[in-house]
Amino acid sequence: MARELMNPCGVFANEDMPLAPRRSLAGYGVEKIVIGLHSNQKANADLFLDNIQELLAERFDNVEFLRGQKAASVPADFSDEFLNRCHMVAAAFGD
């Protein structure tokens, strides 16, 4: 007997967007590159960002890291410092 399944997320639209352009760390023309590391505080998200920070710090001398976080169930509310200082951001979420 066939069963009809319902998507619990409801009906939603998905719009395909191109990836952001990739740039090298040398392309910013500043003495120190600030990389934002943003976590939604789910399991292993901070561990993932810790590893990214360690790898980038070993590879590049001119980087500074600025950490940000948000609760998993709410939209991010970025501080002015985070928005104004970061040249790029890596976001992580876990589960």
PDB file of N, CA and C in Angstrom:
ATOM      1  N   MET A   1       0.834  -1.167   0.000  1.00  0.00           N
ATOM      2  CA  MET A   1       0.000   0.000   0.000  1.00  0.00           C
ATOM      3  C   MET A   1       0.894   1.250   0.000  1.00  0.00           C
ATOM      4  N   ALA A   2       0.652   2.190  -0.891  1.00  0.00           N
ATOM      5  CA  ALA A   2       1.452   3.409  -1.008  1.00  0.00           C
ATOM      6  C   ALA A   2       1.061   4.400   0.080  1.00  0.00           C
ATOM      7  N   ARG A   3       2.075   5.112   0.596  1.00  0.00           N
ATOM      8  CA  ARG A   3       1.826   6.138   1.608  1.00  0.00           C
ATOM      9  C   ARG A   3       2.273   7.495   1.069  1.00  0.00           C
ATOM     10  N   GLU A   4       1.523   8.496   1.381  1.00  0.00           N
ATOM     11  CA  GLU A   4       1.901   9.843   0.993  1.00  0.00           C
ATOM     12  C   GLU A   4       2.638  10.488   2.164  1.00  0.00           C
ATOM     13  N   LEU A   5       3.838  11.037   1.889  1.00  0.00           N
ATOM     14  CA  LEU A   5       4.642  11.669   2.922  1.00  0.00           C
ATOM     15  C   LEU A   5       4.524  13.183   2.814  1.00  0.00           C
ATOM     16  N   MET A   6       4.570  13.845   3.945  1.00  0.00           N
ATOM     17  CA  MET A   6       4.482  15.299   3.969  1.00  0.00           C
ATOM     18  C   MET A   6       5.824  15.864   4.421  1.00  0.00           C
ATOM     19  N   ASN A   7       6.299  16.916   3.740  1.00  0.00           N
ATOM     20  CA  ASN A   7       7.514  17.609   4.141  1.00  0.00           C
ATOM     21  C   ASN A   7       7.174  18.510   5.330  1.00  0.00           C
ATOM     22  N   PRO A   8       7.764  18.273   6.511  1.00  0.00           N
ATOM     23  CA  PRO A   8       7.421  19.079   7.688  1.00  0.00           C
ATOM     24  C   PRO A   8       7.906  20.529   7.590  1.00  0.00           C
ATOM     25  N   CYS A   9       8.764  20.822   6.622  1.00  0.00           N
ATOM     26  CA  CYS A   9       9.258  22.192   6.448  1.00  0.00           C
ATOM     27  C   CYS A   9       8.266  23.062   5.694  1.00  0.00           C
ATOM     28  N   GLY A  10       7.279  22.464   5.072  1.00  0.00           N
ATOM     29  CA  GLY A  10       6.313  23.233   4.293  1.00  0.00           C
ATOM     30  C   GLY A  10       6.845  23.534   2.901  1.00  0.00           C
ATOM     31  N   VAL A  11       6.180  24.416   2.227  1.00  0.00           N
ATOM     32  CA  VAL A  11       6.573  24.810   0.874  1.00  0.00           C
ATOM     33  C   VAL A  11       7.505  26.010   0.981  1.00  0.00           C
ATOM     34  N   PHE A  12       8.628  25.956   0.280  1.00  0.00           N
ATOM     35  CA  PHE A  12       9.575  27.058   0.319  1.00  0.00           C
ATOM     36  C   PHE A  12      10.257  27.188  -1.031  1.00  0.00           C
ATOM     37  N   ALA A  13      10.750  28.353  -1.308  1.00  0.00           N
ATOM     38  CA  ALA A  13      11.465  28.612  -2.555  1.00  0.00           C
ATOM     39  C   ALA A  13      12.963  28.562  -2.283  1.00  0.00           C
ATOM     40  N   ASN A  14      13.702  28.041  -3.220  1.00  0.00           N
ATOM     41  CA  ASN A  14      15.150  27.960  -3.121  1.00  0.00           C
ATOM     42  C   ASN A  14      15.732  28.667  -4.333  1.00  0.00           C
ATOM     43  N   GLU A  15      16.499  29.713  -4.081  1.00  0.00           N
ATOM     44  CA  GLU A  15      17.085  30.487  -5.162  1.00  0.00           C
ATOM     45  C   GLU A  15      18.577  30.186  -5.239  1.00  0.00           C
ATOM     46  N   ASP A  16      19.028  29.688  -6.369  1.00  0.00           N
ATOM     47  CA  ASP A  16      20.447  29.399  -6.541  1.00  0.00           C
ATOM     48  C   ASP A  16      21.233  30.695  -6.635  1.00  0.00           C
ATOM     49  N   MET A  17      22.325  30.762  -5.899  1.00  0.00           N
ATOM     50  CA  MET A  17      23.181  31.944  -5.902  1.00  0.00           C
ATOM     51  C   MET A  17      24.608  31.500  -6.206  1.00  0.00           C
ATOM     52  N   PRO A  18      25.341  32.293  -6.968  1.00  0.00           N
ATOM     53  CA  PRO A  18      26.742  31.933  -7.241  1.00  0.00           C
ATOM     54  C   PRO A  18      27.588  32.095  -5.984  1.00  0.00           C
ATOM     55  N   LEU A  19      28.690  31.364  -5.923  1.00  0.00           N
ATOM     56  CA  LEU A  19      29.621  31.502  -4.817  1.00  0.00           C
ATOM     57  C   LEU A  19      30.274  32.873  -4.856  1.00  0.00           C
ATOM     58  N   ALA A  20      30.671  33.367  -3.715  1.00  0.00           N
ATOM     59  CA  ALA A  20      31.387  34.636  -3.650  1.00  0.00           C
ATOM     60  C   ALA A  20      32.736  34.475  -4.339  1.00  0.00           C
ATOM     61  N   PRO A  21      33.233  35.550  -4.954  1.00  0.00           N
ATOM     62  CA  PRO A  21      34.547  35.456  -5.608  1.00  0.00           C
ATOM     63  C   PRO A  21      35.631  35.112  -4.592  1.00  0.00           C
ATOM     64  N   ARG A  22      36.578  34.295  -4.993  1.00  0.00           N
ATOM     65  CA  ARG A  22      37.677  33.893  -4.116  1.00  0.00           C
ATOM     66  C   ARG A  22      38.865  34.811  -4.349  1.00  0.00           C
ATOM     67  N   ARG A  23      39.505  35.246  -3.259  1.00  0.00           N
ATOM     68  CA  ARG A  23      40.667  36.113  -3.338  1.00  0.00           C
ATOM     69  C   ARG A  23      41.767  35.546  -2.457  1.00  0.00           C
ATOM     70  N   SER A  24      42.999  35.884  -2.789  1.00  0.00           N
ATOM     71  CA  SER A  24      44.109  35.457  -1.944  1.00  0.00           C
ATOM     72  C   SER A  24      44.257  36.430  -0.784  1.00  0.00           C
ATOM     73  N   LEU A  25      44.966  36.023   0.251  1.00  0.00           N
ATOM     74  CA  LEU A  25      45.195  36.902   1.386  1.00  0.00           C
ATOM     75  C   LEU A  25      46.070  38.088   1.007  1.00  0.00           C
ATOM     76  N   ALA A  26      46.853  37.948  -0.041  1.00  0.00           N
ATOM     77  CA  ALA A  26      47.730  39.037  -0.467  1.00  0.00           C
ATOM     78  C   ALA A  26      46.967  40.140  -1.193  1.00  0.00           C
ATOM     79  N   GLY A  27      45.759  39.879  -1.629  1.00  0.00           N
ATOM     80  CA  GLY A  27      45.024  40.828  -2.449  1.00  0.00           C
ATOM     81  C   GLY A  27      44.322  41.941  -1.714  1.00  0.00           C
ATOM     82  N   TYR A  28      44.531  42.099  -0.416  1.00  0.00           N
ATOM     83  CA  TYR A  28      43.811  43.109   0.354  1.00  0.00           C
ATOM     84  C   TYR A  28      44.608  44.387   0.577  1.00  0.00           C
ATOM     85  N   GLY A  29      45.901  44.356   0.362  1.00  0.00           N
ATOM     86  CA  GLY A  29      46.717  45.550   0.495  1.00  0.00           C
ATOM     87  C   GLY A  29      46.767  46.123   1.899  1.00  0.00           C
ATOM     88  N   VAL A  30      46.645  45.286   2.908  1.00  0.00           N
ATOM     89  CA  VAL A  30      46.737  45.731   4.296  1.00  0.00           C
ATOM     90  C   VAL A  30      47.823  44.936   5.000  1.00  0.00           C
ATOM     91  N   GLU A  31      48.297  45.477   6.103  1.00  0.00           N
ATOM     92  CA  GLU A  31      49.360  44.807   6.847  1.00  0.00           C
ATOM     93  C   GLU A  31      48.886  43.510   7.488  1.00  0.00           C
ATOM     94  N   LYS A  32      47.677  43.544   8.049  1.00  0.00           N
ATOM     95  CA  LYS A  32      47.152  42.371   8.742  1.00  0.00           C
ATOM     96  C   LYS A  32      45.751  42.076   8.228  1.00  0.00           C
ATOM     97  N   ILE A  33      45.512  40.829   7.866  1.00  0.00           N
ATOM     98  CA  ILE A  33      44.199  40.375   7.415  1.00  0.00           C
ATOM     99  C   ILE A  33      43.414  39.901   8.640  1.00  0.00           C
ATOM    100  N   VAL A  34      42.178  40.347   8.769  1.00  0.00           N
ATOM    101  CA  VAL A  34      41.328  39.912   9.871  1.00  0.00           C
ATOM    102  C   VAL A  34      40.313  38.914   9.316  1.00  0.00           C
ATOM    103  N   ILE A  35      40.358  37.702   9.860  1.00  0.00           N
ATOM    104  CA  ILE A  35      39.453  36.641   9.434  1.00  0.00           C
ATOM    105  C   ILE A  35      38.447  36.387  10.548  1.00  0.00           C
ATOM    106  N   GLY A  36      37.176  36.536  10.220  1.00  0.00           N
ATOM    107  CA  GLY A  36      36.124  36.255  11.180  1.00  0.00           C
ATOM    108  C   GLY A  36      35.806  34.771  11.187  1.00  0.00           C
ATOM    109  N   LEU A  37      35.675  34.214  12.349  1.00  0.00           N
ATOM    110  CA  LEU A  37      35.281  32.816  12.509  1.00  0.00           C
ATOM    111  C   LEU A  37      33.969  32.818  13.283  1.00  0.00           C
ATOM    112  N   HIS A  38      32.902  32.405  12.624  1.00  0.00           N
ATOM    113  CA  HIS A  38      31.564  32.555  13.204  1.00  0.00           C
ATOM    114  C   HIS A  38      30.925  31.186  13.431  1.00  0.00           C
ATOM    115  N   SER A  39      30.450  30.973  14.637  1.00  0.00           N
ATOM    116  CA  SER A  39      29.889  29.682  15.042  1.00  0.00           C
ATOM    117  C   SER A  39      28.429  29.836  15.444  1.00  0.00           C
ATOM    118  N   ASN A  40      27.636  28.787  15.162  1.00  0.00           N
ATOM    119  CA  ASN A  40      26.257  28.792  15.665  1.00  0.00           C
ATOM    120  C   ASN A  40      26.147  27.980  16.955  1.00  0.00           C
ATOM    121  N   GLN A  41      27.274  27.614  17.534  1.00  0.00           N
ATOM    122  CA  GLN A  41      27.382  26.944  18.824  1.00  0.00           C
ATOM    123  C   GLN A  41      26.778  25.541  18.869  1.00  0.00           C
ATOM    124  N   LYS A  42      26.570  24.932  17.721  1.00  0.00           N
ATOM    125  CA  LYS A  42      26.138  23.536  17.746  1.00  0.00           C
ATOM    126  C   LYS A  42      27.362  22.647  17.953  1.00  0.00           C
ATOM    127  N   ALA A  43      27.100  21.381  18.197  1.00  0.00           N
ATOM    128  CA  ALA A  43      28.176  20.442  18.500  1.00  0.00           C
ATOM    129  C   ALA A  43      29.244  20.454  17.412  1.00  0.00           C
ATOM    130  N   ASN A  44      30.488  20.626  17.819  1.00  0.00           N
ATOM    131  CA  ASN A  44      31.681  20.569  16.981  1.00  0.00           C
ATOM    132  C   ASN A  44      31.906  21.779  16.081  1.00  0.00           C
ATOM    133  N   ALA A  45      31.016  22.759  16.075  1.00  0.00           N
ATOM    134  CA  ALA A  45      31.237  23.945  15.251  1.00  0.00           C
ATOM    135  C   ALA A  45      32.481  24.698  15.719  1.00  0.00           C
ATOM    136  N   ASP A  46      32.623  24.899  17.026  1.00  0.00           N
ATOM    137  CA  ASP A  46      33.796  25.602  17.544  1.00  0.00           C
ATOM    138  C   ASP A  46      35.073  24.791  17.334  1.00  0.00           C
ATOM    139  N   LEU A  47      34.986  23.490  17.458  1.00  0.00           N
ATOM    140  CA  LEU A  47      36.145  22.628  17.199  1.00  0.00           C
ATOM    141  C   LEU A  47      36.600  22.772  15.747  1.00  0.00           C
ATOM    142  N   PHE A  48      35.653  22.801  14.823  1.00  0.00           N
ATOM    143  CA  PHE A  48      35.972  22.988  13.408  1.00  0.00           C
ATOM    144  C   PHE A  48      36.675  24.331  13.193  1.00  0.00           C
ATOM    145  N   LEU A  49      36.138  25.392  13.793  1.00  0.00           N
ATOM    146  CA  LEU A  49      36.743  26.712  13.636  1.00  0.00           C
ATOM    147  C   LEU A  49      38.105  26.799  14.314  1.00  0.00           C
ATOM    148  N   ASP A  50      38.282  26.118  15.436  1.00  0.00           N
ATOM    149  CA  ASP A  50      39.595  26.062  16.087  1.00  0.00           C
ATOM    150  C   ASP A  50      40.630  25.466  15.133  1.00  0.00           C
ATOM    151  N   ASN A  51      40.242  24.421  14.433  1.00  0.00           N
ATOM    152  CA  ASN A  51      41.159  23.778  13.489  1.00  0.00           C
ATOM    153  C   ASN A  51      41.455  24.673  12.295  1.00  0.00           C
ATOM    154  N   ILE A  52      40.453  25.379  11.791  1.00  0.00           N
ATOM    155  CA  ILE A  52      40.690  26.320  10.696  1.00  0.00           C
ATOM    156  C   ILE A  52      41.657  27.416  11.150  1.00  0.00           C
ATOM    157  N   GLN A  53      41.437  27.940  12.343  1.00  0.00           N
ATOM    158  CA  GLN A  53      42.308  28.988  12.863  1.00  0.00           C
ATOM    159  C   GLN A  53      43.747  28.483  12.983  1.00  0.00           C
ATOM    160  N   GLU A  54      43.913  27.308  13.519  1.00  0.00           N
ATOM    161  CA  GLU A  54      45.259  26.737  13.672  1.00  0.00           C
ATOM    162  C   GLU A  54      45.955  26.561  12.325  1.00  0.00           C
ATOM    163  N   LEU A  55      45.246  26.024  11.342  1.00  0.00           N
ATOM    164  CA  LEU A  55      45.838  25.806  10.017  1.00  0.00           C
ATOM    165  C   LEU A  55      46.205  27.119   9.330  1.00  0.00           C
ATOM    166  N   LEU A  56      45.323  28.107   9.397  1.00  0.00           N
ATOM    167  CA  LEU A  56      45.613  29.392   8.758  1.00  0.00           C
ATOM    168  C   LEU A  56      46.731  30.140   9.468  1.00  0.00           C
ATOM    169  N   ALA A  57      46.764  30.067  10.804  1.00  0.00           N
ATOM    170  CA  ALA A  57      47.818  30.733  11.565  1.00  0.00           C
ATOM    171  C   ALA A  57      49.185  30.121  11.265  1.00  0.00           C
ATOM    172  N   GLU A  58      49.238  28.810  11.034  1.00  0.00           N
ATOM    173  CA  GLU A  58      50.498  28.152  10.678  1.00  0.00           C
ATOM    174  C   GLU A  58      50.950  28.560   9.278  1.00  0.00           C
ATOM    175  N   ARG A  59      50.010  28.784   8.391  1.00  0.00           N
ATOM    176  CA  ARG A  59      50.331  29.052   6.983  1.00  0.00           C
ATOM    177  C   ARG A  59      50.618  30.530   6.700  1.00  0.00           C
ATOM    178  N   PHE A  60      49.971  31.436   7.432  1.00  0.00           N
ATOM    179  CA  PHE A  60      50.102  32.860   7.159  1.00  0.00           C
ATOM    180  C   PHE A  60      50.506  33.611   8.428  1.00  0.00           C
ATOM    181  N   ASP A  61      51.470  34.530   8.274  1.00  0.00           N
ATOM    182  CA  ASP A  61      51.946  35.317   9.416  1.00  0.00           C
ATOM    183  C   ASP A  61      51.088  36.548   9.674  1.00  0.00           C
ATOM    184  N   ASN A  62      50.445  37.050   8.659  1.00  0.00           N
ATOM    185  CA  ASN A  62      49.767  38.343   8.769  1.00  0.00           C
ATOM    186  C   ASN A  62      48.260  38.213   8.972  1.00  0.00           C
ATOM    187  N   VAL A  63      47.828  37.248   9.791  1.00  0.00           N
ATOM    188  CA  VAL A  63      46.393  37.098  10.038  1.00  0.00           C
ATOM    189  C   VAL A  63      46.066  37.301  11.513  1.00  0.00           C
ATOM    190  N   GLU A  64      44.908  37.868  11.722  1.00  0.00           N
ATOM    191  CA  GLU A  64      44.331  38.014  13.053  1.00  0.00           C
ATOM    192  C   GLU A  64      42.939  37.399  12.969  1.00  0.00           C
ATOM    193  N   PHE A  65      42.487  36.807  14.045  1.00  0.00           N
ATOM    194  CA  PHE A  65      41.185  36.144  14.036  1.00  0.00           C
ATOM    195  C   PHE A  65      40.235  36.843  14.992  1.00  0.00           C
ATOM    196  N   LEU A  66      39.015  37.005  14.546  1.00  0.00           N
ATOM    197  CA  LEU A  66      37.970  37.598  15.360  1.00  0.00           C
ATOM    198  C   LEU A  66      36.831  36.586  15.419  1.00  0.00           C
ATOM    199  N   ARG A  67      36.486  36.149  16.623  1.00  0.00           N
ATOM    200  CA  ARG A  67      35.460  35.115  16.775  1.00  0.00           C
ATOM    201  C   ARG A  67      34.098  35.752  16.999  1.00  0.00           C
ATOM    202  N   GLY A  68      33.082  35.105  16.437  1.00  0.00           N
ATOM    203  CA  GLY A  68      31.705  35.509  16.646  1.00  0.00           C
ATOM    204  C   GLY A  68      30.857  34.265  16.848  1.00  0.00           C
ATOM    205  N   GLN A  69      29.721  34.435  17.475  1.00  0.00           N
ATOM    206  CA  GLN A  69      28.835  33.294  17.682  1.00  0.00           C
ATOM    207  C   GLN A  69      27.395  33.756  17.790  1.00  0.00           C
ATOM    208  N   LYS A  70      26.508  32.819  17.583  1.00  0.00           N
ATOM    209  CA  LYS A  70      25.083  33.085  17.709  1.00  0.00           C
ATOM    210  C   LYS A  70      24.406  31.829  18.194  1.00  0.00           C
ATOM    211  N   ALA A  71      23.216  31.962  18.724  1.00  0.00           N
ATOM    212  CA  ALA A  71      22.427  30.788  19.076  1.00  0.00           C
ATOM    213  C   ALA A  71      21.941  30.149  17.777  1.00  0.00           C
ATOM    214  N   ALA A  72      21.878  28.845  17.756  1.00  0.00           N
ATOM    215  CA  ALA A  72      21.556  28.120  16.526  1.00  0.00           C
ATOM    216  C   ALA A  72      20.182  28.446  15.973  1.00  0.00           C
ATOM    217  N   SER A  73      19.249  28.809  16.815  1.00  0.00           N
ATOM    218  CA  SER A  73      17.872  28.962  16.359  1.00  0.00           C
ATOM    219  C   SER A  73      17.472  30.393  16.008  1.00  0.00           C
ATOM    220  N   VAL A  74      18.419  31.338  16.073  1.00  0.00           N
ATOM    221  CA  VAL A  74      18.079  32.732  15.770  1.00  0.00           C
ATOM    222  C   VAL A  74      19.023  33.288  14.712  1.00  0.00           C
ATOM    223  N   PRO A  75      18.588  34.313  13.980  1.00  0.00           N
ATOM    224  CA  PRO A  75      19.487  34.939  13.000  1.00  0.00           C
ATOM    225  C   PRO A  75      20.691  35.582  13.685  1.00  0.00           C
ATOM    226  N   ALA A  76      21.777  35.679  12.959  1.00  0.00           N
ATOM    227  CA  ALA A  76      22.994  36.290  13.503  1.00  0.00           C
ATOM    228  C   ALA A  76      22.795  37.786  13.686  1.00  0.00           C
ATOM    229  N   ASP A  77      23.333  38.312  14.764  1.00  0.00           N
ATOM    230  CA  ASP A  77      23.331  39.737  15.037  1.00  0.00           C
ATOM    231  C   ASP A  77      24.798  40.147  15.170  1.00  0.00           C
ATOM    232  N   PHE A  78      25.424  40.491  14.040  1.00  0.00           N
ATOM    233  CA  PHE A  78      26.851  40.780  14.027  1.00  0.00           C
ATOM    234  C   PHE A  78      27.143  42.120  14.690  1.00  0.00           C
ATOM    235  N   SER A  79      28.201  42.161  15.470  1.00  0.00           N
ATOM    236  CA  SER A  79      28.621  43.419  16.094  1.00  0.00           C
ATOM    237  C   SER A  79      29.234  44.328  15.030  1.00  0.00           C
ATOM    238  N   ASP A  80      29.266  45.627  15.310  1.00  0.00           N
ATOM    239  CA  ASP A  80      29.900  46.570  14.381  1.00  0.00           C
ATOM    240  C   ASP A  80      31.378  46.232  14.199  1.00  0.00           C
ATOM    241  N   GLU A  81      32.034  45.824  15.280  1.00  0.00           N
ATOM    242  CA  GLU A  81      33.451  45.457  15.183  1.00  0.00           C
ATOM    243  C   GLU A  81      33.631  44.302  14.204  1.00  0.00           C
ATOM    244  N   PHE A  82      32.791  43.293  14.318  1.00  0.00           N
ATOM    245  CA  PHE A  82      32.902  42.132  13.434  1.00  0.00           C
ATOM    246  C   PHE A  82      32.682  42.547  11.979  1.00  0.00           C
ATOM    247  N   LEU A  83      31.659  43.343  11.726  1.00  0.00           N
ATOM    248  CA  LEU A  83      31.340  43.765  10.363  1.00  0.00           C
ATOM    249  C   LEU A  83      32.402  44.687   9.781  1.00  0.00           C
ATOM    250  N   ASN A  84      32.959  45.562  10.583  1.00  0.00           N
ATOM    251  CA  ASN A  84      33.895  46.561  10.071  1.00  0.00           C
ATOM    252  C   ASN A  84      35.337  46.081   9.995  1.00  0.00           C
ATOM    253  N   ARG A  85      35.713  45.102  10.807  1.00  0.00           N
ATOM    254  CA  ARG A  85      37.120  44.681  10.845  1.00  0.00           C
ATOM    255  C   ARG A  85      37.428  43.463   9.980  1.00  0.00           C
ATOM    256  N   CYS A  86      36.457  42.590   9.760  1.00  0.00           N
ATOM    257  CA  CYS A  86      36.740  41.343   9.054  1.00  0.00           C
ATOM    258  C   CYS A  86      36.872  41.560   7.547  1.00  0.00           C
ATOM    259  N   HIS A  87      37.932  41.002   6.984  1.00  0.00           N
ATOM    260  CA  HIS A  87      38.101  41.002   5.540  1.00  0.00           C
ATOM    261  C   HIS A  87      37.387  39.808   4.913  1.00  0.00           C
ATOM    262  N   MET A  88      37.274  38.745   5.677  1.00  0.00           N
ATOM    263  CA  MET A  88      36.592  37.531   5.221  1.00  0.00           C
ATOM    264  C   MET A  88      36.085  36.777   6.444  1.00  0.00           C
ATOM    265  N   VAL A  89      35.121  35.882   6.222  1.00  0.00           N
ATOM    266  CA  VAL A  89      34.510  35.139   7.327  1.00  0.00           C
ATOM    267  C   VAL A  89      34.362  33.677   6.941  1.00  0.00           C
ATOM    268  N   ALA A  90      34.664  32.802   7.880  1.00  0.00           N
ATOM    269  CA  ALA A  90      34.351  31.373   7.761  1.00  0.00           C
ATOM    270  C   ALA A  90      33.281  31.073   8.800  1.00  0.00           C
ATOM    271  N   ALA A  91      32.189  30.516   8.362  1.00  0.00           N
ATOM    272  CA  ALA A  91      31.092  30.177   9.278  1.00  0.00           C
ATOM    273  C   ALA A  91      31.022  28.662   9.430  1.00  0.00           C
ATOM    274  N   ALA A  92      30.670  28.230  10.630  1.00  0.00           N
ATOM    275  CA  ALA A  92      30.570  26.797  10.889  1.00  0.00           C
ATOM    276  C   ALA A  92      29.306  26.494  11.664  1.00  0.00           C
ATOM    277  N   PHE A  93      28.739  25.368  11.338  1.00  0.00           N
ATOM    278  CA  PHE A  93      27.584  24.876  12.091  1.00  0.00           C
ATOM    279  C   PHE A  93      27.771  23.390  12.235  1.00  0.00           C
ATOM    280  N   GLY A  94      27.324  22.863  13.344  1.00  0.00           N
ATOM    281  CA  GLY A  94      27.520  21.449  13.610  1.00  0.00           C
ATOM    282  C   GLY A  94      26.215  20.735  13.804  1.00  0.00           C
ATOM    283  N   ASP A  95      26.270  19.452  13.847  1.00  0.00           N
ATOM    284  CA  ASP A  95      25.178  18.530  14.173  1.00  0.00           C
ATOM    285  C   ASP A  95      25.614  17.121  13.906  1.00  0.00           C
TER     286      ASP A  95
END
